[in-house]
Amino acid sequence: MQFDYKDFHIDASPLDEGGHYYARAKIYQRASVGGDTVEVKWSGDLGDYPSDADAIEAAQRWAIQWCDENSARPSDLTPRIRSLETVMQPCNACRELVGKPSSVPPHGDLAASGVSAIGPPIHMTKISSNWNCTVCGSWLYQNTADGTPPNEWVMGEHQLDSPEKA
């Protein structure tokens, strides 16, 4: 579920994982008037819930609280937005890979950097293979059928740089 709140755009879409719904939210803000939106906060998994409605509600609550706490200081976000603009200038090879099926192999300048998985430790489900570009520094994720979006290459922040669970 996507919605606008204050100066932010929020994506509170849960991850459906075999009957468990993981609450998560991404918060975006415009880098400049008329500019592209830039992801400024990612919640990580906020917990699993028995229904998608419960997961959406939890993600919305978390996102609204974060926006309320951070919207009073918009100038504090400006360096973060600028740093993402500087860091996230993908090379042509990375840009061309985004949105392609995960069956497309990584380009030659991507270095393998682990995997992402969800679920309880005894039954972890791989959701992506993680790659870092040695040319532009971008992070790309080769999603599995359980990733979001499924079976597709996506670009984002390095998971260690992403916010911890709230």
Protein backbone atom coordinates (compact mmCIF):
# COMPACT_ATOMS: atom_id res chain seq x y z
CA MET A 1 0.00 0.00 0.00
CA GLN A 2 1.40 3.35 -1.04
CA PHE A 3 0.38 6.76 0.26
CA ASP A 4 1.66 10.28 0.83
CA TYR A 5 2.13 11.72 4.32
CA LYS A 6 3.47 15.21 5.00
CA ASP A 7 6.43 15.67 2.63
CA PHE A 8 6.97 11.94 2.22
CA HIS A 9 5.78 9.11 -0.01
CA ILE A 10 5.40 5.81 1.84
CA ASP A 11 5.32 2.27 0.48
CA ALA A 12 3.95 0.02 3.26
CA SER A 13 3.63 -3.14 1.14
CA PRO A 14 4.09 -6.32 3.20
CA LEU A 15 6.07 -9.36 2.09
CA ASP A 16 3.87 -12.46 1.81
CA GLU A 17 5.91 -15.45 2.87
CA GLY A 18 3.87 -18.64 3.01
CA GLY A 19 0.99 -17.36 5.11
CA HIS A 20 3.14 -14.98 7.16
CA TYR A 21 3.04 -11.31 6.28
CA TYR A 22 6.16 -9.31 7.08
CA ALA A 23 5.52 -5.64 7.79
CA ARG A 24 8.00 -3.31 6.09
CA ALA A 25 8.03 0.24 4.82
CA LYS A 26 10.11 2.41 2.53
CA ILE A 27 9.95 6.17 2.90
CA TYR A 28 10.81 8.46 0.01
CA GLN A 29 11.31 12.20 -0.30
CA ARG A 30 11.95 14.46 -3.29
CA ALA A 31 15.58 15.54 -3.60
CA SER A 32 14.47 18.88 -5.07
CA VAL A 33 11.32 20.54 -6.34
CA GLY A 34 10.23 18.49 -9.35
CA GLY A 35 13.14 16.10 -8.80
CA ASP A 36 13.15 12.34 -8.46
CA THR A 37 12.10 10.76 -5.21
CA VAL A 38 14.92 9.30 -3.14
CA GLU A 39 14.57 6.56 -0.56
CA VAL A 40 15.45 8.12 2.80
CA LYS A 41 14.45 5.35 5.20
CA TRP A 42 13.82 1.61 5.04
CA SER A 43 12.29 -0.13 8.01
CA GLY A 44 13.61 -3.61 7.51
CA ASP A 45 11.24 -6.35 8.61
CA LEU A 46 9.05 -5.05 11.45
CA GLY A 47 7.68 -8.46 12.40
CA ASP A 48 5.43 -11.11 10.92
CA TYR A 49 1.65 -10.94 11.11
CA PRO A 50 -1.19 -13.39 10.40
CA SER A 51 -2.77 -11.14 7.74
CA ASP A 52 -1.64 -8.62 5.19
CA ALA A 53 -3.98 -6.01 6.73
CA ASP A 54 -2.23 -6.38 10.11
CA ALA A 55 1.21 -6.11 8.46
CA ILE A 56 0.17 -3.02 6.48
CA GLU A 57 -1.21 -1.38 9.62
CA ALA A 58 2.04 -2.02 11.54
CA ALA A 59 4.15 -0.67 8.67
CA GLN A 60 1.94 2.42 8.36
CA ARG A 61 2.20 3.12 12.10
CA TRP A 62 5.97 2.79 12.00
CA ALA A 63 6.30 5.00 8.90
CA ILE A 64 4.02 7.73 10.20
CA GLN A 65 5.90 7.81 13.51
CA TRP A 66 9.22 8.06 11.66
CA CYS A 67 7.87 10.86 9.44
CA ASP A 68 6.48 12.74 12.45
CA GLU A 69 9.84 12.50 14.21
CA ASN A 70 11.82 13.58 11.15
CA SER A 71 9.61 16.03 9.28
CA ALA A 72 10.26 18.82 11.79
CA ARG A 73 13.89 18.77 10.68
CA PRO A 74 13.78 18.70 6.86
CA SER A 75 17.23 20.28 6.65
CA ASP A 76 18.60 17.27 8.55
CA LEU A 77 17.50 15.04 5.66
CA THR A 78 19.15 17.15 2.97
CA PRO A 79 22.68 15.74 3.52
CA ARG A 80 21.24 12.19 3.49
CA ILE A 81 19.44 12.86 0.20
CA ARG A 82 22.53 14.44 -1.32
CA SER A 83 24.72 11.55 -0.17
CA LEU A 84 22.34 9.07 -1.81
CA GLU A 85 22.39 11.12 -5.01
CA THR A 86 26.19 11.06 -4.95
CA VAL A 87 26.54 7.40 -4.02
CA MET A 88 23.71 6.08 -6.17
CA GLN A 89 24.95 7.20 -9.59
CA PRO A 90 24.85 3.82 -11.30
CA CYS A 91 27.06 3.04 -14.26
CA ASN A 92 25.39 2.10 -17.56
CA ALA A 93 25.92 -1.63 -16.94
CA CYS A 94 24.10 -1.44 -13.57
CA ARG A 95 21.33 0.76 -14.93
CA GLU A 96 20.74 -1.67 -17.83
CA LEU A 97 20.50 -4.66 -15.45
CA VAL A 98 17.79 -3.18 -13.21
CA GLY A 99 14.36 -4.57 -14.09
CA LYS A 100 15.75 -7.51 -16.07
CA PRO A 101 14.83 -11.09 -15.11
CA SER A 102 17.06 -12.59 -12.41
CA SER A 103 18.06 -15.27 -14.89
CA VAL A 104 20.21 -12.61 -16.64
CA PRO A 105 23.75 -13.05 -15.27
CA PRO A 106 25.43 -10.20 -13.37
CA HIS A 107 27.66 -7.88 -15.42
CA GLY A 108 31.42 -8.32 -15.15
CA ASP A 109 31.98 -5.53 -12.62
CA LEU A 110 29.59 -6.89 -9.99
CA ALA A 111 31.21 -8.56 -7.00
CA ALA A 112 29.20 -11.15 -5.05
CA SER A 113 28.43 -9.89 -1.54
CA GLY A 114 26.28 -12.53 0.13
CA VAL A 115 22.58 -13.28 0.19
CA SER A 116 19.47 -11.96 1.92
CA ALA A 117 17.04 -14.34 3.59
CA ILE A 118 13.95 -14.18 5.77
CA GLY A 119 12.19 -16.52 8.14
CA PRO A 120 13.06 -18.41 11.28
CA PRO A 121 16.65 -19.66 11.53
CA ILE A 122 15.62 -23.29 11.07
CA HIS A 123 13.77 -22.50 7.83
CA MET A 124 15.40 -19.49 6.17
CA THR A 125 14.16 -18.56 2.69
CA LYS A 126 16.64 -16.92 0.32
CA ILE A 127 15.17 -13.77 -1.22
CA SER A 128 18.18 -12.41 -3.14
CA SER A 129 21.82 -12.66 -4.06
CA ASN A 130 23.56 -9.38 -3.24
CA TRP A 131 26.08 -7.70 -5.56
CA ASN A 132 28.26 -4.59 -5.32
CA CYS A 133 29.54 -2.81 -8.44
CA THR A 134 33.29 -2.25 -8.34
CA VAL A 135 32.93 0.64 -10.84
CA CYS A 136 30.09 2.80 -9.49
CA GLY A 137 29.55 1.39 -5.98
CA SER A 138 25.87 0.59 -6.55
CA TRP A 139 24.23 -2.30 -4.73
CA LEU A 140 22.15 -4.66 -6.88
CA TYR A 141 19.95 -7.50 -5.71
CA GLN A 142 19.22 -10.56 -7.86
CA ASN A 143 15.83 -11.49 -6.41
CA THR A 144 14.54 -15.04 -6.21
CA ALA A 145 10.87 -15.95 -6.61
CA ASP A 146 10.50 -14.94 -2.93
CA GLY A 147 12.05 -11.49 -3.40
CA THR A 148 10.26 -8.20 -4.05
CA PRO A 149 9.75 -7.91 -6.94
CA PRO A 150 10.08 -11.62 -7.65
CA ASN A 151 12.71 -12.90 -10.10
CA GLU A 152 13.98 -9.45 -10.98
CA TRP A 153 17.15 -7.38 -10.63
CA VAL A 154 16.71 -4.33 -8.34
CA MET A 155 19.00 -1.59 -7.05
CA GLY A 156 19.05 -0.25 -3.50
CA GLU A 157 21.10 0.57 -0.44
CA HIS A 158 23.59 -1.84 1.03
CA GLN A 159 21.71 -3.87 3.65
CA LEU A 160 24.26 -3.03 6.35
CA ASP A 161 23.58 0.67 5.68
CA SER A 162 19.83 0.14 5.90
CA PRO A 163 18.14 1.04 9.15
CA GLU A 164 17.82 -1.53 11.86
CA LYS A 165 14.45 -2.88 12.90
CA ALA A 166 12.40 -0.35 14.78
